[in-house]
Amino acid sequence: MGIHVSTKINGDDVEFVCDAEETLLDVLRDRLNLTGAKEGCATGDCGACSVTIDGRLTCSCLTLGAEVEGREIGTVEGVAKGNELHPIQQKILDNAALQCGVCTPGIVVAAKALLEKKSNPSEEEIRYWMAGNLCRCTGYDKIIRAIQDAAAEMRG
């Protein structure tokens, strides 16, 4: 018997039925076809599966699907507004801050969450905040620069 869950994902009311042991990552990818979040480690160490739950950055591989009853989830699919990229997405492209793309959705979600909390983070603050998001291809300097550029654009 499954567990019925009512939640909000990227601003839309969503209902699903999941198994008690099913992770939010598996629900998003396998039941709701929201495949942006990736499974990199399944232990909460890489950040590829990052989402927000009620505005708090969370690893969806460590959260059970049943735990999001009544909560608000934000995924990478909800970052852009239609065809208009969020500044962090555009600056990642402008700064060539991606390669294989496995980490990129988690980095986008984490960076957006940071910039919603702090409009002018220092490089040290960005590095600290992003420490939970691992990238094996690009290195971090371009990612940090992209976040700084997005922050500047968002401040006007």
C-alpha atoms as a PDB file:
ATOM      1  CA  MET A   1       0.000   0.000   0.000  1.00  0.00           C
ATOM      2  CA  GLY A   2       1.369   3.404  -0.968  1.00  0.00           C
ATOM      3  CA  ILE A   3       1.364   6.699   0.870  1.00  0.00           C
ATOM      4  CA  HIS A   4      -0.659   9.537  -0.642  1.00  0.00           C
ATOM      5  CA  VAL A   5       1.194  12.859  -0.606  1.00  0.00           C
ATOM      6  CA  SER A   6      -0.105  16.334  -1.453  1.00  0.00           C
ATOM      7  CA  THR A   7       2.553  18.961  -1.956  1.00  0.00           C
ATOM      8  CA  LYS A   8       3.490  21.952  -4.062  1.00  0.00           C
ATOM      9  CA  ILE A   9       6.333  21.629  -6.573  1.00  0.00           C
ATOM     10  CA  ASN A  10       7.617  24.716  -8.362  1.00  0.00           C
ATOM     11  CA  GLY A  11       4.406  26.509  -7.428  1.00  0.00           C
ATOM     12  CA  ASP A  12       2.052  23.806  -8.711  1.00  0.00           C
ATOM     13  CA  ASP A  13      -0.150  21.614  -6.528  1.00  0.00           C
ATOM     14  CA  VAL A  14       0.970  18.008  -6.966  1.00  0.00           C
ATOM     15  CA  GLU A  15      -0.295  14.715  -5.601  1.00  0.00           C
ATOM     16  CA  PHE A  16       1.442  11.360  -5.799  1.00  0.00           C
ATOM     17  CA  VAL A  17       1.494   7.968  -4.183  1.00  0.00           C
ATOM     18  CA  CYS A  18       4.842   6.573  -3.085  1.00  0.00           C
ATOM     19  CA  ASP A  19       6.276   3.696  -1.122  1.00  0.00           C
ATOM     20  CA  ALA A  20       7.292   4.400   2.469  1.00  0.00           C
ATOM     21  CA  GLU A  21      11.006   3.907   1.722  1.00  0.00           C
ATOM     22  CA  GLU A  22      11.040   5.809  -1.596  1.00  0.00           C
ATOM     23  CA  THR A  23      13.262   8.884  -1.680  1.00  0.00           C
ATOM     24  CA  LEU A  24      12.080  12.263  -2.869  1.00  0.00           C
ATOM     25  CA  LEU A  25      14.704  12.008  -5.616  1.00  0.00           C
ATOM     26  CA  ASP A  26      13.128   8.790  -6.892  1.00  0.00           C
ATOM     27  CA  VAL A  27       9.636  10.296  -6.673  1.00  0.00           C
ATOM     28  CA  LEU A  28      10.711  13.375  -8.627  1.00  0.00           C
ATOM     29  CA  ARG A  29      12.494  11.403 -11.327  1.00  0.00           C
ATOM     30  CA  ASP A  30      10.431   8.212 -11.620  1.00  0.00           C
ATOM     31  CA  ARG A  31       6.899   9.253 -10.682  1.00  0.00           C
ATOM     32  CA  LEU A  32       6.743  12.941 -11.637  1.00  0.00           C
ATOM     33  CA  ASN A  33       9.177  12.983 -14.600  1.00  0.00           C
ATOM     34  CA  LEU A  34      11.173  15.852 -13.079  1.00  0.00           C
ATOM     35  CA  THR A  35      14.578  14.517 -14.056  1.00  0.00           C
ATOM     36  CA  GLY A  36      16.725  17.581 -13.410  1.00  0.00           C
ATOM     37  CA  ALA A  37      17.915  16.429  -9.996  1.00  0.00           C
ATOM     38  CA  LYS A  38      20.539  13.737 -10.445  1.00  0.00           C
ATOM     39  CA  GLU A  39      21.671  10.859  -8.263  1.00  0.00           C
ATOM     40  CA  GLY A  40      25.388  11.193  -7.867  1.00  0.00           C
ATOM     41  CA  CYS A  41      26.154   9.501  -4.573  1.00  0.00           C
ATOM     42  CA  ALA A  42      22.900   8.564  -2.758  1.00  0.00           C
ATOM     43  CA  THR A  43      24.564   9.620   0.505  1.00  0.00           C
ATOM     44  CA  GLY A  44      24.036  13.388   0.503  1.00  0.00           C
ATOM     45  CA  ASP A  45      27.679  14.156  -0.232  1.00  0.00           C
ATOM     46  CA  CYS A  46      27.647  15.461  -3.826  1.00  0.00           C
ATOM     47  CA  GLY A  47      24.692  17.869  -4.072  1.00  0.00           C
ATOM     48  CA  ALA A  48      23.607  16.705  -7.544  1.00  0.00           C
ATOM     49  CA  CYS A  49      20.112  16.035  -6.185  1.00  0.00           C
ATOM     50  CA  SER A  50      19.695  19.418  -4.454  1.00  0.00           C
ATOM     51  CA  VAL A  51      16.186  20.824  -4.135  1.00  0.00           C
ATOM     52  CA  THR A  52      14.602  23.276  -1.752  1.00  0.00           C
ATOM     53  CA  ILE A  53      11.956  22.249   0.748  1.00  0.00           C
ATOM     54  CA  ASP A  54      10.121  25.234   2.189  1.00  0.00           C
ATOM     55  CA  GLY A  55      13.041  27.353   0.996  1.00  0.00           C
ATOM     56  CA  ARG A  56      15.718  25.254   2.679  1.00  0.00           C
ATOM     57  CA  LEU A  57      18.394  23.610   0.538  1.00  0.00           C
ATOM     58  CA  THR A  58      18.060  19.826   0.859  1.00  0.00           C
ATOM     59  CA  CYS A  59      19.481  16.662  -0.677  1.00  0.00           C
ATOM     60  CA  SER A  60      16.497  14.870  -2.176  1.00  0.00           C
ATOM     61  CA  CYS A  61      18.352  11.540  -1.976  1.00  0.00           C
ATOM     62  CA  LEU A  62      18.204  11.770   1.833  1.00  0.00           C
ATOM     63  CA  THR A  63      14.555  12.824   2.064  1.00  0.00           C
ATOM     64  CA  LEU A  64      11.678  10.402   1.872  1.00  0.00           C
ATOM     65  CA  GLY A  65       8.919  11.247  -0.565  1.00  0.00           C
ATOM     66  CA  ALA A  66       6.346  10.829   2.200  1.00  0.00           C
ATOM     67  CA  GLU A  67       8.091  13.541   4.242  1.00  0.00           C
ATOM     68  CA  VAL A  68       7.071  16.325   1.852  1.00  0.00           C
ATOM     69  CA  GLU A  69       3.357  16.187   2.661  1.00  0.00           C
ATOM     70  CA  GLY A  70       2.104  19.782   2.734  1.00  0.00           C
ATOM     71  CA  ARG A  71       5.548  21.205   1.955  1.00  0.00           C
ATOM     72  CA  GLU A  72       6.731  23.382  -0.920  1.00  0.00           C
ATOM     73  CA  ILE A  73       9.425  21.898  -3.142  1.00  0.00           C
ATOM     74  CA  GLY A  74      11.642  23.805  -5.559  1.00  0.00           C
ATOM     75  CA  THR A  75      13.520  21.954  -8.291  1.00  0.00           C
ATOM     76  CA  VAL A  76      15.765  23.071 -11.121  1.00  0.00           C
ATOM     77  CA  GLU A  77      12.785  22.767 -13.478  1.00  0.00           C
ATOM     78  CA  GLY A  78      11.187  25.714 -11.668  1.00  0.00           C
ATOM     79  CA  VAL A  79      14.165  28.087 -11.829  1.00  0.00           C
ATOM     80  CA  ALA A  80      13.618  29.540 -15.319  1.00  0.00           C
ATOM     81  CA  LYS A  81      10.426  31.427 -16.132  1.00  0.00           C
ATOM     82  CA  GLY A  82       9.334  29.852 -19.388  1.00  0.00           C
ATOM     83  CA  ASN A  83      12.100  30.531 -21.913  1.00  0.00           C
ATOM     84  CA  GLU A  84      13.674  33.235 -19.725  1.00  0.00           C
ATOM     85  CA  LEU A  85      16.648  31.884 -17.828  1.00  0.00           C
ATOM     86  CA  HIS A  86      17.247  32.891 -14.226  1.00  0.00           C
ATOM     87  CA  PRO A  87      20.393  35.058 -13.904  1.00  0.00           C
ATOM     88  CA  ILE A  88      22.304  32.178 -12.286  1.00  0.00           C
ATOM     89  CA  GLN A  89      21.514  29.927 -15.243  1.00  0.00           C
ATOM     90  CA  GLN A  90      22.578  32.581 -17.742  1.00  0.00           C
ATOM     91  CA  LYS A  91      25.780  33.400 -15.866  1.00  0.00           C
ATOM     92  CA  ILE A  92      26.720  29.713 -15.665  1.00  0.00           C
ATOM     93  CA  LEU A  93      26.469  29.645 -19.459  1.00  0.00           C
ATOM     94  CA  ASP A  94      28.263  32.985 -19.890  1.00  0.00           C
ATOM     95  CA  ASN A  95      31.155  31.870 -17.661  1.00  0.00           C
ATOM     96  CA  ALA A  96      31.386  28.358 -19.167  1.00  0.00           C
ATOM     97  CA  ALA A  97      30.840  27.044 -15.635  1.00  0.00           C
ATOM     98  CA  LEU A  98      29.607  23.615 -16.714  1.00  0.00           C
ATOM     99  CA  GLN A  99      30.843  20.654 -18.676  1.00  0.00           C
ATOM    100  CA  CYS A 100      29.223  17.243 -18.270  1.00  0.00           C
ATOM    101  CA  GLY A 101      26.122  18.700 -16.574  1.00  0.00           C
ATOM    102  CA  VAL A 102      25.609  16.116 -13.816  1.00  0.00           C
ATOM    103  CA  CYS A 103      26.278  18.635 -11.048  1.00  0.00           C
ATOM    104  CA  THR A 104      24.748  21.653 -12.794  1.00  0.00           C
ATOM    105  CA  PRO A 105      21.105  21.281 -11.661  1.00  0.00           C
ATOM    106  CA  GLY A 106      22.163  20.996  -8.019  1.00  0.00           C
ATOM    107  CA  ILE A 107      24.545  23.914  -8.374  1.00  0.00           C
ATOM    108  CA  VAL A 108      21.803  26.056  -9.931  1.00  0.00           C
ATOM    109  CA  VAL A 109      19.354  25.234  -7.111  1.00  0.00           C
ATOM    110  CA  ALA A 110      21.987  25.809  -4.405  1.00  0.00           C
ATOM    111  CA  ALA A 111      23.221  29.083  -5.917  1.00  0.00           C
ATOM    112  CA  LYS A 112      19.668  30.388  -6.324  1.00  0.00           C
ATOM    113  CA  ALA A 113      18.931  29.515  -2.678  1.00  0.00           C
ATOM    114  CA  LEU A 114      22.074  31.380  -1.601  1.00  0.00           C
ATOM    115  CA  LEU A 115      21.213  34.468  -3.626  1.00  0.00           C
ATOM    116  CA  GLU A 116      17.692  34.508  -2.199  1.00  0.00           C
ATOM    117  CA  LYS A 117      19.208  34.652   1.302  1.00  0.00           C
ATOM    118  CA  LYS A 118      22.155  36.933   0.613  1.00  0.00           C
ATOM    119  CA  SER A 119      22.204  39.413  -2.262  1.00  0.00           C
ATOM    120  CA  ASN A 120      25.920  40.212  -2.087  1.00  0.00           C
ATOM    121  CA  PRO A 121      27.788  37.175  -0.789  1.00  0.00           C
ATOM    122  CA  SER A 122      31.558  37.300  -0.495  1.00  0.00           C
ATOM    123  CA  GLU A 123      33.675  34.718  -2.301  1.00  0.00           C
ATOM    124  CA  GLU A 124      34.264  32.993   1.034  1.00  0.00           C
ATOM    125  CA  GLU A 125      30.507  32.853   1.721  1.00  0.00           C
ATOM    126  CA  ILE A 126      29.845  31.444  -1.751  1.00  0.00           C
ATOM    127  CA  ARG A 127      32.526  28.778  -1.335  1.00  0.00           C
ATOM    128  CA  TYR A 128      31.175  27.828   2.090  1.00  0.00           C
ATOM    129  CA  TRP A 129      27.570  27.641   0.854  1.00  0.00           C
ATOM    130  CA  MET A 130      28.486  25.656  -2.261  1.00  0.00           C
ATOM    131  CA  ALA A 131      30.769  23.198  -0.409  1.00  0.00           C
ATOM    132  CA  GLY A 132      28.026  20.560  -0.556  1.00  0.00           C
ATOM    133  CA  ASN A 133      27.957  20.622  -4.371  1.00  0.00           C
ATOM    134  CA  LEU A 134      30.789  18.713  -5.980  1.00  0.00           C
ATOM    135  CA  CYS A 135      31.937  19.218  -9.566  1.00  0.00           C
ATOM    136  CA  ARG A 136      34.448  16.838 -11.093  1.00  0.00           C
ATOM    137  CA  CYS A 137      34.800  18.539 -14.479  1.00  0.00           C
ATOM    138  CA  THR A 138      34.763  22.310 -14.352  1.00  0.00           C
ATOM    139  CA  GLY A 139      36.547  23.242 -11.161  1.00  0.00           C
ATOM    140  CA  TYR A 140      35.057  25.827  -8.921  1.00  0.00           C
ATOM    141  CA  ASP A 141      36.503  29.169 -10.046  1.00  0.00           C
ATOM    142  CA  LYS A 142      34.101  29.537 -12.988  1.00  0.00           C
ATOM    143  CA  ILE A 143      31.163  28.521 -10.807  1.00  0.00           C
ATOM    144  CA  ILE A 144      32.108  31.079  -8.146  1.00  0.00           C
ATOM    145  CA  ARG A 145      32.504  33.765 -10.825  1.00  0.00           C
ATOM    146  CA  ALA A 146      29.094  32.877 -12.281  1.00  0.00           C
ATOM    147  CA  ILE A 147      27.454  33.206  -8.864  1.00  0.00           C
ATOM    148  CA  GLN A 148      29.170  36.553  -8.255  1.00  0.00           C
ATOM    149  CA  ASP A 149      28.058  37.816 -11.672  1.00  0.00           C
ATOM    150  CA  ALA A 150      24.481  36.631 -11.085  1.00  0.00           C
ATOM    151  CA  ALA A 151      24.429  38.339  -7.685  1.00  0.00           C
ATOM    152  CA  ALA A 152      25.617  41.604  -9.243  1.00  0.00           C
ATOM    153  CA  GLU A 153      22.992  41.394 -11.989  1.00  0.00           C
ATOM    154  CA  MET A 154      20.214  40.612  -9.525  1.00  0.00           C
ATOM    155  CA  ARG A 155      21.208  43.590  -7.358  1.00  0.00           C
ATOM    156  CA  GLY A 156      20.925  45.819 -10.462  1.00  0.00           C
END
